[in-house]
Structures are given as structure tokens and as C-alpha cells.
PDB file of all heavy atoms in Angstrom:
ATOM      1  N   ASN A   1     -20.031  11.418   8.578  1.00  0.00           N
ATOM      2  CA  ASN A   1     -18.581  11.225   8.565  1.00  0.00           C
ATOM      3  C   ASN A   1     -18.165  10.028   7.743  1.00  0.00           C
ATOM      4  O   ASN A   1     -16.985   9.682   7.698  1.00  0.00           O
ATOM      5  CB  ASN A   1     -18.052  11.078   9.995  1.00  0.00           C
ATOM      6  CG  ASN A   1     -18.270  12.358  10.817  1.00  0.00           C
ATOM      7  OD1 ASN A   1     -18.203  13.462  10.263  1.00  0.00           O
ATOM      8  ND2 ASN A   1     -18.498  12.211  12.107  1.00  0.00           N
ATOM      9  N   MET A   2     -19.093   9.353   7.104  1.00  0.00           N
ATOM     10  CA  MET A   2     -18.750   8.123   6.360  1.00  0.00           C
ATOM     11  C   MET A   2     -17.877   8.455   5.154  1.00  0.00           C
ATOM     12  O   MET A   2     -16.902   7.767   4.874  1.00  0.00           O
ATOM     13  CB  MET A   2     -20.027   7.413   5.891  1.00  0.00           C
ATOM     14  CG  MET A   2     -19.756   6.099   5.129  1.00  0.00           C
ATOM     15  SD  MET A   2     -21.279   5.325   4.572  1.00  0.00           S
ATOM     16  CE  MET A   2     -22.001   4.903   6.153  1.00  0.00           C
ATOM     17  N   LEU A   3     -18.188   9.536   4.419  1.00  0.00           N
ATOM     18  CA  LEU A   3     -17.422   9.863   3.211  1.00  0.00           C
ATOM     19  C   LEU A   3     -16.001  10.253   3.557  1.00  0.00           C
ATOM     20  O   LEU A   3     -15.063   9.902   2.845  1.00  0.00           O
ATOM     21  CB  LEU A   3     -18.099  11.013   2.464  1.00  0.00           C
ATOM     22  CG  LEU A   3     -19.438  10.682   1.787  1.00  0.00           C
ATOM     23  CD1 LEU A   3     -20.025  11.916   1.143  1.00  0.00           C
ATOM     24  CD2 LEU A   3     -19.249   9.588   0.759  1.00  0.00           C
ATOM     25  N   SER A   4     -15.804  10.993   4.659  1.00  0.00           N
ATOM     26  CA  SER A   4     -14.427  11.368   5.016  1.00  0.00           C
ATOM     27  C   SER A   4     -13.619  10.150   5.381  1.00  0.00           C
ATOM     28  O   SER A   4     -12.438  10.049   5.059  1.00  0.00           O
ATOM     29  CB  SER A   4     -14.454  12.382   6.174  1.00  0.00           C
ATOM     30  OG  SER A   4     -15.092  11.814   7.305  1.00  0.00           O
ATOM     31  N   GLY A   5     -14.248   9.130   5.992  1.00  0.00           N
ATOM     32  CA  GLY A   5     -13.528   7.897   6.325  1.00  0.00           C
ATOM     33  C   GLY A   5     -13.150   7.127   5.080  1.00  0.00           C
ATOM     34  O   GLY A   5     -12.051   6.586   4.977  1.00  0.00           O
ATOM     35  N   ILE A   6     -14.082   7.026   4.126  1.00  0.00           N
ATOM     36  CA  ILE A   6     -13.781   6.313   2.876  1.00  0.00           C
ATOM     37  C   ILE A   6     -12.665   7.014   2.121  1.00  0.00           C
ATOM     38  O   ILE A   6     -11.747   6.387   1.588  1.00  0.00           O
ATOM     39  CB  ILE A   6     -15.043   6.219   2.018  1.00  0.00           C
ATOM     40  CG1 ILE A   6     -16.073   5.329   2.709  1.00  0.00           C
ATOM     41  CG2 ILE A   6     -14.747   5.676   0.628  1.00  0.00           C
ATOM     42  CD1 ILE A   6     -17.428   5.311   2.030  1.00  0.00           C
ATOM     43  N   TYR A   7     -12.687   8.348   2.138  1.00  0.00           N
ATOM     44  CA  TYR A   7     -11.665   9.100   1.414  1.00  0.00           C
ATOM     45  C   TYR A   7     -10.313   8.887   2.060  1.00  0.00           C
ATOM     46  O   TYR A   7      -9.299   8.696   1.373  1.00  0.00           O
ATOM     47  CB  TYR A   7     -12.067  10.584   1.412  1.00  0.00           C
ATOM     48  CG  TYR A   7     -11.041  11.474   0.768  1.00  0.00           C
ATOM     49  CD1 TYR A   7     -10.936  11.508  -0.622  1.00  0.00           C
ATOM     50  CD2 TYR A   7     -10.167  12.237   1.532  1.00  0.00           C
ATOM     51  CE1 TYR A   7      -9.997  12.310  -1.204  1.00  0.00           C
ATOM     52  CE2 TYR A   7      -9.216  13.024   0.922  1.00  0.00           C
ATOM     53  CZ  TYR A   7      -9.138  13.073  -0.461  1.00  0.00           C
ATOM     54  OH  TYR A   7      -8.185  13.872  -1.062  1.00  0.00           O
ATOM     55  N   LYS A   8     -10.239   8.866   3.381  1.00  0.00           N
ATOM     56  CA  LYS A   8      -8.980   8.644   4.080  1.00  0.00           C
ATOM     57  C   LYS A   8      -8.438   7.257   3.801  1.00  0.00           C
ATOM     58  O   LYS A   8      -7.242   7.055   3.643  1.00  0.00           O
ATOM     59  CB  LYS A   8      -9.192   8.873   5.588  1.00  0.00           C
ATOM     60  CG  LYS A   8      -7.878   8.811   6.401  1.00  0.00           C
ATOM     61  CD  LYS A   8      -8.141   9.167   7.854  1.00  0.00           C
ATOM     62  CE  LYS A   8      -6.824   9.161   8.650  1.00  0.00           C
ATOM     63  NZ  LYS A   8      -6.093   7.902   8.571  1.00  0.00           N
ATOM     64  N   THR A   9      -9.334   6.268   3.706  1.00  0.00           N
ATOM     65  CA  THR A   9      -8.893   4.893   3.416  1.00  0.00           C
ATOM     66  C   THR A   9      -8.254   4.829   2.042  1.00  0.00           C
ATOM     67  O   THR A   9      -7.233   4.165   1.839  1.00  0.00           O
ATOM     68  CB  THR A   9     -10.096   3.947   3.498  1.00  0.00           C
ATOM     69  OG1 THR A   9     -10.676   4.043   4.782  1.00  0.00           O
ATOM     70  CG2 THR A   9      -9.680   2.522   3.213  1.00  0.00           C
ATOM     71  N   ILE A  10      -8.848   5.505   1.061  1.00  0.00           N
ATOM     72  CA  ILE A  10      -8.298   5.488  -0.310  1.00  0.00           C
ATOM     73  C   ILE A  10      -6.936   6.155  -0.347  1.00  0.00           C
ATOM     74  O   ILE A  10      -6.003   5.668  -1.001  1.00  0.00           O
ATOM     75  CB  ILE A  10      -9.276   6.190  -1.267  1.00  0.00           C
ATOM     76  CG1 ILE A  10     -10.552   5.367  -1.401  1.00  0.00           C
ATOM     77  CG2 ILE A  10      -8.661   6.396  -2.652  1.00  0.00           C
ATOM     78  CD1 ILE A  10     -11.657   6.052  -2.173  1.00  0.00           C
ATOM     79  N   ILE A  11      -6.733   7.266   0.415  1.00  0.00           N
ATOM     80  CA  ILE A  11      -5.446   7.960   0.445  1.00  0.00           C
ATOM     81  C   ILE A  11      -4.384   7.076   1.060  1.00  0.00           C
ATOM     82  O   ILE A  11      -3.257   6.980   0.568  1.00  0.00           O
ATOM     83  CB  ILE A  11      -5.570   9.313   1.177  1.00  0.00           C
ATOM     84  CG1 ILE A  11      -6.487  10.269   0.383  1.00  0.00           C
ATOM     85  CG2 ILE A  11      -4.209   9.947   1.379  1.00  0.00           C
ATOM     86  CD1 ILE A  11      -5.994  10.572  -0.993  1.00  0.00           C
ATOM     87  N   ASP A  12      -4.747   6.403   2.112  1.00  0.00           N
ATOM     88  CA  ASP A  12      -3.763   5.516   2.768  1.00  0.00           C
ATOM     89  C   ASP A  12      -3.370   4.372   1.849  1.00  0.00           C
ATOM     90  O   ASP A  12      -2.206   3.966   1.803  1.00  0.00           O
ATOM     91  CB  ASP A  12      -4.366   4.984   4.076  1.00  0.00           C
ATOM     92  CG  ASP A  12      -4.570   6.108   5.111  1.00  0.00           C
ATOM     93  OD1 ASP A  12      -3.881   7.168   4.959  1.00  0.00           O
ATOM     94  OD2 ASP A  12      -5.394   5.938   6.028  1.00  0.00           O
ATOM     95  N   TYR A  13      -4.343   3.849   1.123  1.00  0.00           N
ATOM     96  CA  TYR A  13      -4.045   2.742   0.203  1.00  0.00           C
ATOM     97  C   TYR A  13      -3.123   3.226  -0.899  1.00  0.00           C
ATOM     98  O   TYR A  13      -2.185   2.517  -1.284  1.00  0.00           O
ATOM     99  CB  TYR A  13      -5.350   2.211  -0.390  1.00  0.00           C
ATOM    100  CG  TYR A  13      -5.116   1.128  -1.420  1.00  0.00           C
ATOM    101  CD1 TYR A  13      -4.737  -0.164  -1.028  1.00  0.00           C
ATOM    102  CD2 TYR A  13      -5.228   1.418  -2.770  1.00  0.00           C
ATOM    103  CE1 TYR A  13      -4.500  -1.121  -1.990  1.00  0.00           C
ATOM    104  CE2 TYR A  13      -5.008   0.451  -3.726  1.00  0.00           C
ATOM    105  CZ  TYR A  13      -4.642  -0.836  -3.317  1.00  0.00           C
ATOM    106  OH  TYR A  13      -4.410  -1.807  -4.261  1.00  0.00           O
ATOM    107  N   ASP A  14      -3.289   4.444  -1.362  1.00  0.00           N
ATOM    108  CA  ASP A  14      -2.436   4.966  -2.416  1.00  0.00           C
ATOM    109  C   ASP A  14      -1.019   5.185  -1.893  1.00  0.00           C
ATOM    110  O   ASP A  14      -0.052   4.890  -2.590  1.00  0.00           O
ATOM    111  CB  ASP A  14      -3.022   6.277  -2.940  1.00  0.00           C
ATOM    112  CG  ASP A  14      -2.224   6.829  -4.105  1.00  0.00           C
ATOM    113  OD1 ASP A  14      -2.234   6.179  -5.194  1.00  0.00           O
ATOM    114  OD2 ASP A  14      -1.597   7.876  -3.958  1.00  0.00           O
ATOM    115  N   ASP A  15      -0.871   5.673  -0.702  1.00  0.00           N
ATOM    116  CA  ASP A  15       0.468   5.839  -0.118  1.00  0.00           C
ATOM    117  C   ASP A  15       1.160   4.515   0.040  1.00  0.00           C
ATOM    118  O   ASP A  15       2.377   4.378  -0.196  1.00  0.00           O
ATOM    119  CB  ASP A  15       0.368   6.557   1.244  1.00  0.00           C
ATOM    120  CG  ASP A  15      -0.134   7.992   1.078  1.00  0.00           C
ATOM    121  OD1 ASP A  15       0.020   8.546  -0.060  1.00  0.00           O
ATOM    122  OD2 ASP A  15      -0.672   8.566   2.034  1.00  0.00           O
ATOM    123  N   PHE A  16       0.379   3.487   0.416  1.00  0.00           N
ATOM    124  CA  PHE A  16       0.952   2.151   0.576  1.00  0.00           C
ATOM    125  C   PHE A  16       1.475   1.625  -0.757  1.00  0.00           C
ATOM    126  O   PHE A  16       2.587   1.084  -0.825  1.00  0.00           O
ATOM    127  CB  PHE A  16      -0.118   1.221   1.157  1.00  0.00           C
ATOM    128  CG  PHE A  16       0.344  -0.225   1.255  1.00  0.00           C
ATOM    129  CD1 PHE A  16       1.295  -0.613   2.214  1.00  0.00           C
ATOM    130  CD2 PHE A  16      -0.134  -1.179   0.392  1.00  0.00           C
ATOM    131  CE1 PHE A  16       1.710  -1.930   2.284  1.00  0.00           C
ATOM    132  CE2 PHE A  16       0.265  -2.476   0.470  1.00  0.00           C
ATOM    133  CZ  PHE A  16       1.207  -2.884   1.427  1.00  0.00           C
ATOM    134  N   VAL A  17       0.713   1.841  -1.812  1.00  0.00           N
ATOM    135  CA  VAL A  17       1.137   1.361  -3.124  1.00  0.00           C
ATOM    136  C   VAL A  17       2.360   2.126  -3.610  1.00  0.00           C
ATOM    137  O   VAL A  17       3.287   1.541  -4.169  1.00  0.00           O
ATOM    138  CB  VAL A  17      -0.020   1.490  -4.128  1.00  0.00           C
ATOM    139  CG1 VAL A  17       0.450   1.189  -5.540  1.00  0.00           C
ATOM    140  CG2 VAL A  17      -1.152   0.557  -3.760  1.00  0.00           C
ATOM    141  N   GLN A  18       2.418   3.450  -3.360  1.00  0.00           N
ATOM    142  CA  GLN A  18       3.580   4.223  -3.767  1.00  0.00           C
ATOM    143  C   GLN A  18       4.826   3.775  -3.027  1.00  0.00           C
ATOM    144  O   GLN A  18       5.924   3.757  -3.563  1.00  0.00           O
ATOM    145  CB  GLN A  18       3.322   5.732  -3.525  1.00  0.00           C
ATOM    146  CG  GLN A  18       2.231   6.323  -4.413  1.00  0.00           C
ATOM    147  CD  GLN A  18       2.580   6.300  -5.864  1.00  0.00           C
ATOM    148  OE1 GLN A  18       3.766   6.373  -6.230  1.00  0.00           O
ATOM    149  NE2 GLN A  18       1.546   6.148  -6.698  1.00  0.00           N
ATOM    150  N   GLY A  19       4.672   3.374  -1.771  1.00  0.00           N
ATOM    151  CA  GLY A  19       5.821   2.858  -1.033  1.00  0.00           C
ATOM    152  C   GLY A  19       6.304   1.546  -1.578  1.00  0.00           C
ATOM    153  O   GLY A  19       7.499   1.289  -1.631  1.00  0.00           O
ATOM    154  N   LEU A  20       5.388   0.699  -2.006  1.00  0.00           N
ATOM    155  CA  LEU A  20       5.803  -0.569  -2.611  1.00  0.00           C
ATOM    156  C   LEU A  20       6.563  -0.342  -3.910  1.00  0.00           C
ATOM    157  O   LEU A  20       7.472  -1.092  -4.245  1.00  0.00           O
ATOM    158  CB  LEU A  20       4.575  -1.444  -2.873  1.00  0.00           C
ATOM    159  CG  LEU A  20       3.860  -1.997  -1.621  1.00  0.00           C
ATOM    160  CD1 LEU A  20       2.638  -2.776  -2.032  1.00  0.00           C
ATOM    161  CD2 LEU A  20       4.795  -2.876  -0.793  1.00  0.00           C
ATOM    162  N   LYS A  21       6.179   0.711  -4.689  1.00  0.00           N
ATOM    163  CA  LYS A  21       6.882   0.980  -5.927  1.00  0.00           C
ATOM    164  C   LYS A  21       8.332   1.327  -5.703  1.00  0.00           C
ATOM    165  O   LYS A  21       9.189   0.994  -6.527  1.00  0.00           O
ATOM    166  CB  LYS A  21       6.197   2.144  -6.664  1.00  0.00           C
ATOM    167  CG  LYS A  21       4.899   1.779  -7.352  1.00  0.00           C
ATOM    168  CD  LYS A  21       4.369   2.969  -8.118  1.00  0.00           C
ATOM    169  CE  LYS A  21       3.093   2.640  -8.841  1.00  0.00           C
ATOM    170  NZ  LYS A  21       2.586   3.792  -9.609  1.00  0.00           N
ATOM    171  N   HIS A  22       8.657   2.012  -4.650  1.00  0.00           N
ATOM    172  CA  HIS A  22      10.029   2.418  -4.404  1.00  0.00           C
ATOM    173  C   HIS A  22      10.854   1.356  -3.697  1.00  0.00           C
ATOM    174  O   HIS A  22      12.050   1.540  -3.475  1.00  0.00           O
ATOM    175  CB  HIS A  22      10.034   3.725  -3.572  1.00  0.00           C
ATOM    176  CG  HIS A  22       9.455   4.894  -4.324  1.00  0.00           C
ATOM    177  ND1 HIS A  22       8.102   5.170  -4.344  1.00  0.00           N
ATOM    178  CD2 HIS A  22      10.063   5.861  -5.089  1.00  0.00           C
ATOM    179  CE1 HIS A  22       7.888   6.242  -5.069  1.00  0.00           C
ATOM    180  NE2 HIS A  22       9.089   6.691  -5.556  1.00  0.00           N
ATOM    181  N   HIS A  23      10.280   0.258  -3.271  1.00  0.00           N
ATOM    182  CA  HIS A  23      11.027  -0.814  -2.627  1.00  0.00           C
ATOM    183  C   HIS A  23      11.847  -1.535  -3.663  1.00  0.00           C
ATOM    184  O   HIS A  23      11.383  -1.796  -4.778  1.00  0.00           O
ATOM    185  CB  HIS A  23      10.055  -1.776  -1.926  1.00  0.00           C
ATOM    186  CG  HIS A  23      10.773  -2.674  -0.922  1.00  0.00           C
ATOM    187  ND1 HIS A  23      11.347  -3.865  -1.272  1.00  0.00           N
ATOM    188  CD2 HIS A  23      11.012  -2.507   0.418  1.00  0.00           C
ATOM    189  CE1 HIS A  23      11.896  -4.421  -0.201  1.00  0.00           C
ATOM    190  NE2 HIS A  23      11.699  -3.611   0.863  1.00  0.00           N
ATOM    191  N   TRP A  24      13.067  -1.848  -3.318  1.00  0.00           N
ATOM    192  CA  TRP A  24      13.971  -2.461  -4.301  1.00  0.00           C
ATOM    193  C   TRP A  24      13.539  -3.840  -4.713  1.00  0.00           C
ATOM    194  O   TRP A  24      13.843  -4.289  -5.831  1.00  0.00           O
ATOM    195  CB  TRP A  24      15.402  -2.532  -3.710  1.00  0.00           C
ATOM    196  CG  TRP A  24      15.491  -3.468  -2.485  1.00  0.00           C
ATOM    197  CD1 TRP A  24      15.265  -3.146  -1.199  1.00  0.00           C
ATOM    198  CD2 TRP A  24      15.817  -4.839  -2.538  1.00  0.00           C
ATOM    199  NE1 TRP A  24      15.426  -4.228  -0.379  1.00  0.00           N
ATOM    200  CE2 TRP A  24      15.768  -5.315  -1.219  1.00  0.00           C
ATOM    201  CE3 TRP A  24      16.163  -5.729  -3.573  1.00  0.00           C
ATOM    202  CZ2 TRP A  24      16.036  -6.653  -0.892  1.00  0.00           C
ATOM    203  CZ3 TRP A  24      16.422  -7.026  -3.227  1.00  0.00           C
ATOM    204  CH2 TRP A  24      16.346  -7.502  -1.892  1.00  0.00           C
ATOM    205  N   LEU A  25      12.813  -4.541  -3.907  1.00  0.00           N
ATOM    206  CA  LEU A  25      12.415  -5.913  -4.240  1.00  0.00           C
ATOM    207  C   LEU A  25      11.218  -5.935  -5.188  1.00  0.00           C
ATOM    208  O   LEU A  25      11.121  -6.803  -6.066  1.00  0.00           O
ATOM    209  CB  LEU A  25      12.089  -6.669  -2.952  1.00  0.00           C
ATOM    210  CG  LEU A  25      11.720  -8.161  -3.132  1.00  0.00           C
ATOM    211  CD1 LEU A  25      12.880  -8.933  -3.771  1.00  0.00           C
ATOM    212  CD2 LEU A  25      11.372  -8.782  -1.778  1.00  0.00           C
ATOM    213  N   LEU A  26      10.334  -4.934  -5.044  1.00  0.00           N
ATOM    214  CA  LEU A  26       9.103  -4.940  -5.852  1.00  0.00           C
ATOM    215  C   LEU A  26       9.124  -3.880  -6.945  1.00  0.00           C
ATOM    216  O   LEU A  26       8.105  -3.601  -7.573  1.00  0.00           O
ATOM    217  CB  LEU A  26       7.896  -4.692  -4.931  1.00  0.00           C
ATOM    218  CG  LEU A  26       7.692  -5.710  -3.812  1.00  0.00           C
ATOM    219  CD1 LEU A  26       6.540  -5.294  -2.928  1.00  0.00           C
ATOM    220  CD2 LEU A  26       7.442  -7.094  -4.377  1.00  0.00           C
ATOM    221  N   ARG A  27      10.284  -3.231  -7.202  1.00  0.00           N
ATOM    222  CA  ARG A  27      10.326  -2.166  -8.190  1.00  0.00           C
ATOM    223  C   ARG A  27      10.110  -2.682  -9.611  1.00  0.00           C
ATOM    224  O   ARG A  27       9.520  -2.016 -10.456  1.00  0.00           O
ATOM    225  CB  ARG A  27      11.689  -1.472  -8.101  1.00  0.00           C
ATOM    226  CG  ARG A  27      11.810  -0.236  -8.979  1.00  0.00           C
ATOM    227  CD  ARG A  27      13.162   0.394  -8.789  1.00  0.00           C
ATOM    228  NE  ARG A  27      13.362   0.751  -7.385  1.00  0.00           N
ATOM    229  CZ  ARG A  27      14.547   1.127  -6.868  1.00  0.00           C
ATOM    230  NH1 ARG A  27      15.631   1.162  -7.642  1.00  0.00           N
ATOM    231  NH2 ARG A  27      14.666   1.432  -5.584  1.00  0.00           N
ATOM    232  N   SER A  28      10.586  -3.918  -9.884  1.00  0.00           N
ATOM    233  CA  SER A  28      10.435  -4.454 -11.250  1.00  0.00           C
ATOM    234  C   SER A  28       8.992  -4.762 -11.603  1.00  0.00           C
ATOM    235  O   SER A  28       8.651  -4.899 -12.777  1.00  0.00           O
ATOM    236  CB  SER A  28      11.291  -5.718 -11.389  1.00  0.00           C
ATOM    237  OG  SER A  28      10.833  -6.701 -10.457  1.00  0.00           O
ATOM    238  N   ALA A  29       8.125  -4.892 -10.603  1.00  0.00           N
ATOM    239  CA  ALA A  29       6.711  -5.187 -10.889  1.00  0.00           C
ATOM    240  C   ALA A  29       5.969  -3.966 -11.368  1.00  0.00           C
ATOM    241  O   ALA A  29       4.845  -4.079 -11.866  1.00  0.00           O
ATOM    242  CB  ALA A  29       6.042  -5.769  -9.629  1.00  0.00           C
ATOM    243  N   PHE A  30       6.563  -2.758 -11.219  1.00  0.00           N
ATOM    244  CA  PHE A  30       5.899  -1.505 -11.630  1.00  0.00           C
ATOM    245  C   PHE A  30       6.767  -0.795 -12.681  1.00  0.00           C
ATOM    246  O   PHE A  30       7.350   0.246 -12.447  1.00  0.00           O
ATOM    247  CB  PHE A  30       5.696  -0.574 -10.419  1.00  0.00           C
ATOM    248  CG  PHE A  30       4.866  -1.202  -9.314  1.00  0.00           C
ATOM    249  CD1 PHE A  30       5.466  -1.843  -8.237  1.00  0.00           C
ATOM    250  CD2 PHE A  30       3.490  -1.144  -9.389  1.00  0.00           C
ATOM    251  CE1 PHE A  30       4.704  -2.418  -7.242  1.00  0.00           C
ATOM    252  CE2 PHE A  30       2.747  -1.723  -8.376  1.00  0.00           C
ATOM    253  CZ  PHE A  30       3.326  -2.369  -7.292  1.00  0.00           C
ATOM    254  N   LYS A  31       6.877  -1.415 -13.934  1.00  0.00           N
ATOM    255  CA  LYS A  31       7.694  -0.834 -15.009  1.00  0.00           C
ATOM    256  C   LYS A  31       6.983   0.309 -15.729  1.00  0.00           C
ATOM    257  O   LYS A  31       7.610   1.194 -16.263  1.00  0.00           O
ATOM    258  CB  LYS A  31       8.079  -1.901 -16.027  1.00  0.00           C
ATOM    259  CG  LYS A  31       9.027  -2.944 -15.467  1.00  0.00           C
ATOM    260  CD  LYS A  31       9.401  -3.947 -16.542  1.00  0.00           C
ATOM    261  CE  LYS A  31      10.382  -4.971 -15.987  1.00  0.00           C
ATOM    262  NZ  LYS A  31      10.802  -5.970 -16.998  1.00  0.00           N
ATOM    263  N   ASN A  32       5.695   0.300 -15.836  1.00  0.00           N
ATOM    264  CA  ASN A  32       4.944   1.340 -16.574  1.00  0.00           C
ATOM    265  C   ASN A  32       4.832   2.575 -15.707  1.00  0.00           C
ATOM    266  O   ASN A  32       4.152   2.563 -14.683  1.00  0.00           O
ATOM    267  CB  ASN A  32       3.552   0.811 -16.942  1.00  0.00           C
ATOM    268  CG  ASN A  32       2.829   1.773 -17.864  1.00  0.00           C
ATOM    269  OD1 ASN A  32       3.410   2.728 -18.324  1.00  0.00           O
ATOM    270  ND2 ASN A  32       1.568   1.473 -18.116  1.00  0.00           N
ATOM    271  N   GLU A  33       5.587   3.605 -16.135  1.00  0.00           N
ATOM    272  CA  GLU A  33       5.606   4.833 -15.380  1.00  0.00           C
ATOM    273  C   GLU A  33       4.593   5.847 -15.885  1.00  0.00           C
ATOM    274  O   GLU A  33       4.511   6.950 -15.366  1.00  0.00           O
ATOM    275  CB  GLU A  33       7.001   5.460 -15.446  1.00  0.00           C
ATOM    276  CG  GLU A  33       8.071   4.610 -14.807  1.00  0.00           C
ATOM    277  CD  GLU A  33       7.870   4.424 -13.307  1.00  0.00           C
ATOM    278  OE1 GLU A  33       7.191   5.270 -12.691  1.00  0.00           O
ATOM    279  OE2 GLU A  33       8.374   3.448 -12.757  1.00  0.00           O
ATOM    280  N   ASN A  34       3.844   5.484 -16.981  1.00  0.00           N
ATOM    281  CA  ASN A  34       2.874   6.442 -17.536  1.00  0.00           C
ATOM    282  C   ASN A  34       1.672   6.506 -16.642  1.00  0.00           C
ATOM    283  O   ASN A  34       0.995   5.512 -16.401  1.00  0.00           O
ATOM    284  CB  ASN A  34       2.450   6.020 -18.950  1.00  0.00           C
ATOM    285  CG  ASN A  34       3.613   6.070 -19.918  1.00  0.00           C
ATOM    286  OD1 ASN A  34       4.503   6.903 -19.773  1.00  0.00           O
ATOM    287  ND2 ASN A  34       3.617   5.151 -20.873  1.00  0.00           N
ATOM    288  N   LYS A  35       1.401   7.642 -16.147  1.00  0.00           N
ATOM    289  CA  LYS A  35       0.285   7.843 -15.233  1.00  0.00           C
ATOM    290  C   LYS A  35      -0.875   8.412 -16.012  1.00  0.00           C
ATOM    291  O   LYS A  35      -0.755   9.435 -16.639  1.00  0.00           O
ATOM    292  CB  LYS A  35       0.682   8.817 -14.113  1.00  0.00           C
ATOM    293  CG  LYS A  35       1.804   8.301 -13.242  1.00  0.00           C
ATOM    294  CD  LYS A  35       2.163   9.303 -12.149  1.00  0.00           C
ATOM    295  CE  LYS A  35       3.306   8.798 -11.279  1.00  0.00           C
ATOM    296  NZ  LYS A  35       3.665   9.757 -10.189  1.00  0.00           N
ATOM    297  N   THR A  36      -1.961   7.686 -15.964  1.00  0.00           N
ATOM    298  CA  THR A  36      -3.150   8.117 -16.709  1.00  0.00           C
ATOM    299  C   THR A  36      -3.978   9.076 -15.894  1.00  0.00           C
ATOM    300  O   THR A  36      -4.517  10.034 -16.424  1.00  0.00           O
ATOM    301  CB  THR A  36      -3.994   6.893 -17.086  1.00  0.00           C
ATOM    302  OG1 THR A  36      -4.337   6.185 -15.913  1.00  0.00           O
ATOM    303  CG2 THR A  36      -3.226   5.975 -18.016  1.00  0.00           C
ATOM    304  N   ASN A  37      -4.022   8.879 -14.596  1.00  0.00           N
ATOM    305  CA  ASN A  37      -4.829   9.759 -13.739  1.00  0.00           C
ATOM    306  C   ASN A  37      -3.959  10.262 -12.591  1.00  0.00           C
ATOM    307  O   ASN A  37      -3.351   9.465 -11.860  1.00  0.00           O
ATOM    308  CB  ASN A  37      -6.033   9.023 -13.164  1.00  0.00           C
ATOM    309  CG  ASN A  37      -7.010   8.623 -14.284  1.00  0.00           C
ATOM    310  OD1 ASN A  37      -7.188   9.367 -15.215  1.00  0.00           O
ATOM    311  ND2 ASN A  37      -7.595   7.427 -14.136  1.00  0.00           N
ATOM    312  N   SER A  38      -3.837  11.527 -12.441  1.00  0.00           N
ATOM    313  CA  SER A  38      -3.081  12.111 -11.323  1.00  0.00           C
ATOM    314  C   SER A  38      -3.931  12.049 -10.067  1.00  0.00           C
ATOM    315  O   SER A  38      -5.162  12.178 -10.145  1.00  0.00           O
ATOM    316  CB  SER A  38      -2.696  13.567 -11.632  1.00  0.00           C
ATOM    317  OG  SER A  38      -1.906  13.588 -12.799  1.00  0.00           O
ATOM    318  N   PRO A  39      -3.299  11.842  -8.946  1.00  0.00           N
ATOM    319  CA  PRO A  39      -4.089  11.795  -7.702  1.00  0.00           C
ATOM    320  C   PRO A  39      -4.718  13.145  -7.424  1.00  0.00           C
ATOM    321  O   PRO A  39      -4.138  14.184  -7.714  1.00  0.00           O
ATOM    322  CB  PRO A  39      -3.062  11.425  -6.640  1.00  0.00           C
ATOM    323  CG  PRO A  39      -1.751  11.842  -7.224  1.00  0.00           C
ATOM    324  CD  PRO A  39      -1.861  11.643  -8.690  1.00  0.00           C
ATOM    325  N   PRO A  40      -5.922  13.147  -6.951  1.00  0.00           N
ATOM    326  CA  PRO A  40      -6.585  14.426  -6.663  1.00  0.00           C
ATOM    327  C   PRO A  40      -5.882  15.171  -5.528  1.00  0.00           C
ATOM    328  O   PRO A  40      -5.258  14.559  -4.660  1.00  0.00           O
ATOM    329  CB  PRO A  40      -7.996  13.999  -6.270  1.00  0.00           C
ATOM    330  CG  PRO A  40      -7.849  12.603  -5.792  1.00  0.00           C
ATOM    331  CD  PRO A  40      -6.754  11.984  -6.574  1.00  0.00           C
TER     332      PRO A  40
END
């Protein structure tokens, strides 16, 4: 079950970062909207 736990941690971290991007206070820190890798 170790791999499923690591995978869940990475998904949660990505959701956290996406939430920070939409926050009005931290939106200016994420100006580059070009996505090089789409989430799996």
C-alpha cells in the first residue's frame, strides 16, 4: 500500500497548489499559465 499512499500525497499537494493559484492574494505569483505537463 506504500505506492497508493505516495500517489495520494502527490494529488493532495497538487490540489493545494491549485487552490493557492486562485486565491486573490497569491494570484500574482503564478503569472505563467503555460502548462508543460498535464496532470495524469
